[in-house]
Amino acid sequence: MHKGKKITPLAKPPSPVIEDDGSDELAEQWLVHATTVQRKHVLYVIHVQTRYCMIFADAKKADVDGFLRRFVDRWIEGLIRHAGQHDMLRWVDAEQMMEGFEESCRDYAFYKRGHRGAQKHINEIAWVFEDCAAEWGALPTDEFSAGRFDGDMNDTPRGSKGHKDFYYPDEEMMAHWLRRYAGLDEPSVQAALERRMEVKREIWEFERQQAHDAQY
């Protein structure tokens, strides 16, 4: 509220249904959901296409610029960290990737509307987050801690309309990012994803061996 008037970044949506927008095929569409956890604002953000999610704890009310900075930094850093951990950076030209991102994502808009499928997943994530926050006794204290929770949620299998089988949001977003912002052709995307899965198997085997050794 400013001088008795309500100021909002929300604009009238181009259509009631997100999938019907269709005017810009390169537009990234996210659903943002706000709740209160332990008396603090928490924003849950989920990518409609891939169901990749990010959670922003202790968000400041009406701080659009602050939210956008956190959002962009977490999105980019989370993907780069994931690519590095899974030996995928050999396929990525960082400078080209950032140029593509900055070119495509210069403008933004907020619309007041929902998405049934994405909201269902947000509700599940919010339930897990509130349960974890109660166990921790506090909200995540920094972006790294919040990013670890994001990682756990994005490594959780999801199912949605248009997908025949269950899928993992981190894998879906990684493929999406490599195609759109790293400019890779489909064989290169698949090669990067195959290497990612090889590394995941190596990590699983290492953790299994560690657990086995701990028993003796």
C-alpha atoms as a PDB file:
ATOM      1  CA  MET A   1       0.000   0.000   0.000  1.00  0.00           C
ATOM      2  CA  HIS A   2       1.339   3.460  -0.918  1.00  0.00           C
ATOM      3  CA  LYS A   3      -0.617   6.580   0.008  1.00  0.00           C
ATOM      4  CA  GLY A   4      -3.704   4.455   0.415  1.00  0.00           C
ATOM      5  CA  LYS A   5      -3.383   2.790  -2.969  1.00  0.00           C
ATOM      6  CA  LYS A   6      -2.548  -0.844  -3.622  1.00  0.00           C
ATOM      7  CA  ILE A   7       0.476  -1.253  -5.888  1.00  0.00           C
ATOM      8  CA  THR A   8       0.999  -4.685  -7.451  1.00  0.00           C
ATOM      9  CA  PRO A   9       3.235  -6.152 -10.174  1.00  0.00           C
ATOM     10  CA  LEU A  10       0.362  -8.403 -11.241  1.00  0.00           C
ATOM     11  CA  ALA A  11      -0.945  -7.839 -14.773  1.00  0.00           C
ATOM     12  CA  LYS A  12      -3.947  -9.263 -16.551  1.00  0.00           C
ATOM     13  CA  PRO A  13      -2.961 -12.662 -17.991  1.00  0.00           C
ATOM     14  CA  PRO A  14      -3.103 -13.058 -21.779  1.00  0.00           C
ATOM     15  CA  SER A  15      -5.271 -16.155 -21.254  1.00  0.00           C
ATOM     16  CA  PRO A  16      -6.863 -17.963 -18.308  1.00  0.00           C
ATOM     17  CA  VAL A  17      -4.783 -21.094 -18.982  1.00  0.00           C
ATOM     18  CA  ILE A  18      -0.982 -20.960 -19.041  1.00  0.00           C
ATOM     19  CA  GLU A  19      -0.637 -23.385 -21.950  1.00  0.00           C
ATOM     20  CA  ASP A  20      -2.911 -21.180 -24.090  1.00  0.00           C
ATOM     21  CA  ASP A  21      -0.568 -18.175 -24.055  1.00  0.00           C
ATOM     22  CA  GLY A  22       1.366 -19.430 -27.063  1.00  0.00           C
ATOM     23  CA  SER A  23       2.589 -15.993 -28.180  1.00  0.00           C
ATOM     24  CA  ASP A  24       6.215 -16.629 -27.249  1.00  0.00           C
ATOM     25  CA  GLU A  25       7.576 -20.145 -27.481  1.00  0.00           C
ATOM     26  CA  LEU A  26      10.734 -19.088 -25.626  1.00  0.00           C
ATOM     27  CA  ALA A  27       8.858 -17.780 -22.581  1.00  0.00           C
ATOM     28  CA  GLU A  28       9.663 -19.582 -19.344  1.00  0.00           C
ATOM     29  CA  GLN A  29       6.483 -20.151 -17.355  1.00  0.00           C
ATOM     30  CA  TRP A  30       6.640 -20.592 -13.582  1.00  0.00           C
ATOM     31  CA  LEU A  31       3.981 -20.911 -10.916  1.00  0.00           C
ATOM     32  CA  VAL A  32       4.683 -18.989  -7.710  1.00  0.00           C
ATOM     33  CA  HIS A  33       2.886 -19.909  -4.503  1.00  0.00           C
ATOM     34  CA  ALA A  34       3.178 -18.007  -1.207  1.00  0.00           C
ATOM     35  CA  THR A  35       2.667 -19.402   2.293  1.00  0.00           C
ATOM     36  CA  THR A  36       3.699 -18.568   5.836  1.00  0.00           C
ATOM     37  CA  VAL A  37       5.984 -20.965   7.709  1.00  0.00           C
ATOM     38  CA  GLN A  38       7.119 -20.218  11.246  1.00  0.00           C
ATOM     39  CA  ARG A  39       5.699 -16.689  10.856  1.00  0.00           C
ATOM     40  CA  LYS A  40       7.842 -15.965   7.804  1.00  0.00           C
ATOM     41  CA  HIS A  41       6.928 -15.680   4.132  1.00  0.00           C
ATOM     42  CA  VAL A  42       7.978 -18.604   1.959  1.00  0.00           C
ATOM     43  CA  LEU A  43       7.716 -18.630  -1.842  1.00  0.00           C
ATOM     44  CA  TYR A  44       7.512 -21.901  -3.760  1.00  0.00           C
ATOM     45  CA  VAL A  45       8.382 -21.560  -7.446  1.00  0.00           C
ATOM     46  CA  ILE A  46       7.897 -24.377  -9.943  1.00  0.00           C
ATOM     47  CA  HIS A  47       8.641 -24.521 -13.674  1.00  0.00           C
ATOM     48  CA  VAL A  48       5.432 -25.557 -15.399  1.00  0.00           C
ATOM     49  CA  GLN A  49       7.111 -27.529 -18.188  1.00  0.00           C
ATOM     50  CA  THR A  50       9.710 -29.499 -16.193  1.00  0.00           C
ATOM     51  CA  ARG A  51       8.362 -29.221 -12.607  1.00  0.00           C
ATOM     52  CA  TYR A  52      11.792 -27.990 -11.484  1.00  0.00           C
ATOM     53  CA  CYS A  53      11.240 -26.193  -8.184  1.00  0.00           C
ATOM     54  CA  MET A  54      12.951 -23.671  -5.919  1.00  0.00           C
ATOM     55  CA  ILE A  55      11.975 -22.583  -2.413  1.00  0.00           C
ATOM     56  CA  PHE A  56      12.675 -19.070  -1.102  1.00  0.00           C
ATOM     57  CA  ALA A  57      12.439 -18.813   2.663  1.00  0.00           C
ATOM     58  CA  ASP A  58      11.983 -15.582   4.612  1.00  0.00           C
ATOM     59  CA  ALA A  59      10.940 -13.677   1.478  1.00  0.00           C
ATOM     60  CA  LYS A  60      10.351  -9.963   1.989  1.00  0.00           C
ATOM     61  CA  LYS A  61       6.844  -8.777   1.241  1.00  0.00           C
ATOM     62  CA  ALA A  62       6.463  -6.757  -1.987  1.00  0.00           C
ATOM     63  CA  ASP A  63      10.207  -7.020  -2.768  1.00  0.00           C
ATOM     64  CA  VAL A  64       9.917  -7.897  -6.448  1.00  0.00           C
ATOM     65  CA  ASP A  65      13.486  -6.920  -7.366  1.00  0.00           C
ATOM     66  CA  GLY A  66      14.943  -8.849  -4.439  1.00  0.00           C
ATOM     67  CA  PHE A  67      12.921 -11.924  -5.332  1.00  0.00           C
ATOM     68  CA  LEU A  68      13.976 -11.778  -8.978  1.00  0.00           C
ATOM     69  CA  ARG A  69      17.672 -11.540  -8.031  1.00  0.00           C
ATOM     70  CA  ARG A  70      17.382 -14.551  -5.716  1.00  0.00           C
ATOM     71  CA  PHE A  71      15.366 -16.439  -8.312  1.00  0.00           C
ATOM     72  CA  VAL A  72      17.805 -15.912 -11.196  1.00  0.00           C
ATOM     73  CA  ASP A  73      20.907 -16.570  -9.076  1.00  0.00           C
ATOM     74  CA  ARG A  74      19.500 -19.768  -7.576  1.00  0.00           C
ATOM     75  CA  TRP A  75      18.301 -21.053 -10.936  1.00  0.00           C
ATOM     76  CA  ILE A  76      21.609 -20.480 -12.737  1.00  0.00           C
ATOM     77  CA  GLU A  77      23.888 -21.492  -9.867  1.00  0.00           C
ATOM     78  CA  GLY A  78      21.831 -24.594  -9.131  1.00  0.00           C
ATOM     79  CA  LEU A  79      22.090 -25.797 -12.721  1.00  0.00           C
ATOM     80  CA  ILE A  80      25.784 -25.034 -13.048  1.00  0.00           C
ATOM     81  CA  ARG A  81      26.487 -26.795  -9.741  1.00  0.00           C
ATOM     82  CA  HIS A  82      24.456 -29.815 -10.851  1.00  0.00           C
ATOM     83  CA  ALA A  83      26.268 -29.913 -14.204  1.00  0.00           C
ATOM     84  CA  GLY A  84      29.639 -29.703 -12.458  1.00  0.00           C
ATOM     85  CA  GLN A  85      28.801 -32.448  -9.977  1.00  0.00           C
ATOM     86  CA  HIS A  86      27.739 -34.741 -12.821  1.00  0.00           C
ATOM     87  CA  ASP A  87      30.603 -34.055 -15.267  1.00  0.00           C
ATOM     88  CA  MET A  88      28.413 -32.234 -17.801  1.00  0.00           C
ATOM     89  CA  LEU A  89      30.328 -28.970 -18.105  1.00  0.00           C
ATOM     90  CA  ARG A  90      32.392 -30.336 -21.005  1.00  0.00           C
ATOM     91  CA  TRP A  91      29.288 -29.784 -23.164  1.00  0.00           C
ATOM     92  CA  VAL A  92      28.683 -26.233 -21.951  1.00  0.00           C
ATOM     93  CA  ASP A  93      30.207 -22.972 -23.174  1.00  0.00           C
ATOM     94  CA  ALA A  94      29.547 -20.800 -20.100  1.00  0.00           C
ATOM     95  CA  GLU A  95      29.829 -17.500 -21.966  1.00  0.00           C
ATOM     96  CA  GLN A  96      27.475 -18.606 -24.734  1.00  0.00           C
ATOM     97  CA  MET A  97      25.060 -20.007 -22.171  1.00  0.00           C
ATOM     98  CA  MET A  98      24.861 -16.747 -20.212  1.00  0.00           C
ATOM     99  CA  GLU A  99      24.482 -14.699 -23.393  1.00  0.00           C
ATOM    100  CA  GLY A 100      21.571 -16.892 -24.443  1.00  0.00           C
ATOM    101  CA  PHE A 101      19.975 -16.630 -21.038  1.00  0.00           C
ATOM    102  CA  GLU A 102      20.324 -12.845 -20.787  1.00  0.00           C
ATOM    103  CA  GLU A 103      18.936 -12.402 -24.297  1.00  0.00           C
ATOM    104  CA  SER A 104      15.900 -14.610 -23.723  1.00  0.00           C
ATOM    105  CA  CYS A 105      15.071 -13.605 -20.148  1.00  0.00           C
ATOM    106  CA  ARG A 106      15.400  -9.821 -20.144  1.00  0.00           C
ATOM    107  CA  ASP A 107      11.695  -9.194 -19.565  1.00  0.00           C
ATOM    108  CA  TYR A 108       9.266 -10.657 -17.056  1.00  0.00           C
ATOM    109  CA  ALA A 109       5.604 -10.449 -16.102  1.00  0.00           C
ATOM    110  CA  PHE A 110       3.542 -11.598 -13.131  1.00  0.00           C
ATOM    111  CA  TYR A 111       0.001 -12.848 -13.686  1.00  0.00           C
ATOM    112  CA  LYS A 112      -2.563 -13.898 -11.132  1.00  0.00           C
ATOM    113  CA  ARG A 113      -3.680 -17.361 -12.210  1.00  0.00           C
ATOM    114  CA  GLY A 114      -3.048 -20.970 -11.340  1.00  0.00           C
ATOM    115  CA  HIS A 115      -2.034 -24.273 -12.850  1.00  0.00           C
ATOM    116  CA  ARG A 116      -3.733 -27.360 -11.524  1.00  0.00           C
ATOM    117  CA  GLY A 117      -0.954 -29.895 -12.135  1.00  0.00           C
ATOM    118  CA  ALA A 118       1.915 -27.665 -10.979  1.00  0.00           C
ATOM    119  CA  GLN A 119      -0.067 -26.596  -7.907  1.00  0.00           C
ATOM    120  CA  LYS A 120      -0.511 -30.238  -6.906  1.00  0.00           C
ATOM    121  CA  HIS A 121       3.263 -30.689  -6.914  1.00  0.00           C
ATOM    122  CA  ILE A 122       3.787 -27.429  -5.012  1.00  0.00           C
ATOM    123  CA  ASN A 123       1.385 -28.632  -2.345  1.00  0.00           C
ATOM    124  CA  GLU A 124       3.397 -31.827  -1.942  1.00  0.00           C
ATOM    125  CA  ILE A 125       6.686 -29.901  -1.774  1.00  0.00           C
ATOM    126  CA  ALA A 126       5.236 -27.417   0.729  1.00  0.00           C
ATOM    127  CA  TRP A 127       4.121 -30.265   2.975  1.00  0.00           C
ATOM    128  CA  VAL A 128       7.642 -31.754   2.941  1.00  0.00           C
ATOM    129  CA  PHE A 129       9.241 -28.339   3.523  1.00  0.00           C
ATOM    130  CA  GLU A 130       7.033 -27.528   6.516  1.00  0.00           C
ATOM    131  CA  ASP A 131       7.757 -30.946   8.005  1.00  0.00           C
ATOM    132  CA  CYS A 132      11.521 -30.442   7.532  1.00  0.00           C
ATOM    133  CA  ALA A 133      11.389 -26.909   8.948  1.00  0.00           C
ATOM    134  CA  ALA A 134       9.633 -28.251  12.046  1.00  0.00           C
ATOM    135  CA  GLU A 135      12.370 -30.879  12.423  1.00  0.00           C
ATOM    136  CA  TRP A 136      15.152 -28.312  11.882  1.00  0.00           C
ATOM    137  CA  GLY A 137      13.499 -25.815  14.225  1.00  0.00           C
ATOM    138  CA  ALA A 138      14.147 -23.036  11.688  1.00  0.00           C
ATOM    139  CA  LEU A 139      13.999 -22.132   8.017  1.00  0.00           C
ATOM    140  CA  PRO A 140      17.120 -22.521   5.821  1.00  0.00           C
ATOM    141  CA  THR A 141      19.554 -19.803   6.886  1.00  0.00           C
ATOM    142  CA  ASP A 142      21.283 -19.263   3.511  1.00  0.00           C
ATOM    143  CA  GLU A 143      20.901 -19.861  -0.211  1.00  0.00           C
ATOM    144  CA  PHE A 144      23.174 -22.904  -0.145  1.00  0.00           C
ATOM    145  CA  SER A 145      21.018 -24.671   2.457  1.00  0.00           C
ATOM    146  CA  ALA A 146      17.870 -23.776   0.546  1.00  0.00           C
ATOM    147  CA  GLY A 147      19.497 -25.014  -2.660  1.00  0.00           C
ATOM    148  CA  ARG A 148      20.185 -28.394  -1.060  1.00  0.00           C
ATOM    149  CA  PHE A 149      16.488 -28.724  -0.269  1.00  0.00           C
ATOM    150  CA  ASP A 150      15.693 -27.748  -3.869  1.00  0.00           C
ATOM    151  CA  GLY A 151      18.055 -30.492  -5.011  1.00  0.00           C
ATOM    152  CA  ASP A 152      16.292 -33.121  -2.921  1.00  0.00           C
ATOM    153  CA  MET A 153      12.894 -32.101  -4.285  1.00  0.00           C
ATOM    154  CA  ASN A 154      14.124 -32.005  -7.888  1.00  0.00           C
ATOM    155  CA  ASP A 155      15.577 -35.495  -7.485  1.00  0.00           C
ATOM    156  CA  THR A 156      12.104 -36.780  -6.543  1.00  0.00           C
ATOM    157  CA  PRO A 157      10.192 -38.560  -9.334  1.00  0.00           C
ATOM    158  CA  ARG A 158       7.111 -36.740 -10.619  1.00  0.00           C
ATOM    159  CA  GLY A 159       4.251 -37.623 -12.880  1.00  0.00           C
ATOM    160  CA  SER A 160       2.178 -35.202 -14.927  1.00  0.00           C
ATOM    161  CA  LYS A 161      -0.001 -34.882 -17.988  1.00  0.00           C
ATOM    162  CA  GLY A 162       1.961 -35.352 -21.198  1.00  0.00           C
ATOM    163  CA  HIS A 163       4.471 -37.746 -19.603  1.00  0.00           C
ATOM    164  CA  LYS A 164       3.890 -41.450 -20.045  1.00  0.00           C
ATOM    165  CA  ASP A 165       6.283 -42.393 -17.250  1.00  0.00           C
ATOM    166  CA  PHE A 166       7.605 -40.810 -14.085  1.00  0.00           C
ATOM    167  CA  TYR A 167      10.463 -38.349 -14.600  1.00  0.00           C
ATOM    168  CA  TYR A 168      12.966 -36.358 -12.536  1.00  0.00           C
ATOM    169  CA  PRO A 169      12.665 -32.540 -12.632  1.00  0.00           C
ATOM    170  CA  ASP A 170      16.427 -31.966 -12.385  1.00  0.00           C
ATOM    171  CA  GLU A 171      17.024 -34.125 -15.463  1.00  0.00           C
ATOM    172  CA  GLU A 172      14.157 -32.467 -17.347  1.00  0.00           C
ATOM    173  CA  MET A 173      15.399 -28.965 -16.518  1.00  0.00           C
ATOM    174  CA  MET A 174      18.986 -29.874 -17.393  1.00  0.00           C
ATOM    175  CA  ALA A 175      17.907 -31.095 -20.830  1.00  0.00           C
ATOM    176  CA  HIS A 176      15.737 -28.005 -21.298  1.00  0.00           C
ATOM    177  CA  TRP A 177      18.599 -25.700 -20.303  1.00  0.00           C
ATOM    178  CA  LEU A 178      21.126 -27.439 -22.568  1.00  0.00           C
ATOM    179  CA  ARG A 179      18.813 -27.189 -25.571  1.00  0.00           C
ATOM    180  CA  ARG A 180      17.653 -23.628 -25.072  1.00  0.00           C
ATOM    181  CA  TYR A 181      20.609 -21.814 -23.510  1.00  0.00           C
ATOM    182  CA  ALA A 182      23.679 -23.920 -24.292  1.00  0.00           C
ATOM    183  CA  GLY A 183      22.557 -24.379 -27.907  1.00  0.00           C
ATOM    184  CA  LEU A 184      23.210 -28.124 -28.020  1.00  0.00           C
ATOM    185  CA  ASP A 185      21.750 -30.388 -30.672  1.00  0.00           C
ATOM    186  CA  GLU A 186      19.820 -33.461 -29.591  1.00  0.00           C
ATOM    187  CA  PRO A 187      22.717 -35.994 -29.841  1.00  0.00           C
ATOM    188  CA  SER A 188      24.838 -33.738 -27.605  1.00  0.00           C
ATOM    189  CA  VAL A 189      22.002 -33.319 -25.109  1.00  0.00           C
ATOM    190  CA  GLN A 190      21.552 -37.083 -24.915  1.00  0.00           C
ATOM    191  CA  ALA A 191      25.307 -37.623 -24.529  1.00  0.00           C
ATOM    192  CA  ALA A 192      25.385 -35.150 -21.630  1.00  0.00           C
ATOM    193  CA  LEU A 193      22.375 -36.820 -19.977  1.00  0.00           C
ATOM    194  CA  GLU A 194      23.949 -40.259 -20.372  1.00  0.00           C
ATOM    195  CA  ARG A 195      27.125 -39.024 -18.679  1.00  0.00           C
ATOM    196  CA  ARG A 196      24.992 -37.526 -15.917  1.00  0.00           C
ATOM    197  CA  MET A 197      23.375 -40.905 -15.299  1.00  0.00           C
ATOM    198  CA  GLU A 198      26.768 -42.656 -15.289  1.00  0.00           C
ATOM    199  CA  VAL A 199      27.979 -40.295 -12.562  1.00  0.00           C
ATOM    200  CA  LYS A 200      24.772 -40.786 -10.568  1.00  0.00           C
ATOM    201  CA  ARG A 201      25.332 -44.555 -10.663  1.00  0.00           C
ATOM    202  CA  GLU A 202      28.912 -44.029  -9.479  1.00  0.00           C
ATOM    203  CA  ILE A 203      27.636 -41.892  -6.596  1.00  0.00           C
ATOM    204  CA  TRP A 204      24.995 -44.489  -5.669  1.00  0.00           C
ATOM    205  CA  GLU A 205      27.607 -47.248  -5.696  1.00  0.00           C
ATOM    206  CA  PHE A 206      29.973 -45.192  -3.546  1.00  0.00           C
ATOM    207  CA  GLU A 207      27.203 -44.460  -1.028  1.00  0.00           C
ATOM    208  CA  ARG A 208      26.178 -48.124  -0.997  1.00  0.00           C
ATOM    209  CA  GLN A 209      29.766 -49.184  -0.334  1.00  0.00           C
ATOM    210  CA  GLN A 210      30.130 -46.563   2.408  1.00  0.00           C
ATOM    211  CA  ALA A 211      26.964 -47.831   4.089  1.00  0.00           C
ATOM    212  CA  HIS A 212      28.212 -51.427   3.814  1.00  0.00           C
ATOM    213  CA  ASP A 213      31.615 -50.554   5.263  1.00  0.00           C
ATOM    214  CA  ALA A 214      29.992 -48.688   8.160  1.00  0.00           C
ATOM    215  CA  GLN A 215      28.403 -51.927   9.305  1.00  0.00           C
ATOM    216  CA  TYR A 216      31.786 -53.496  10.083  1.00  0.00           C
END
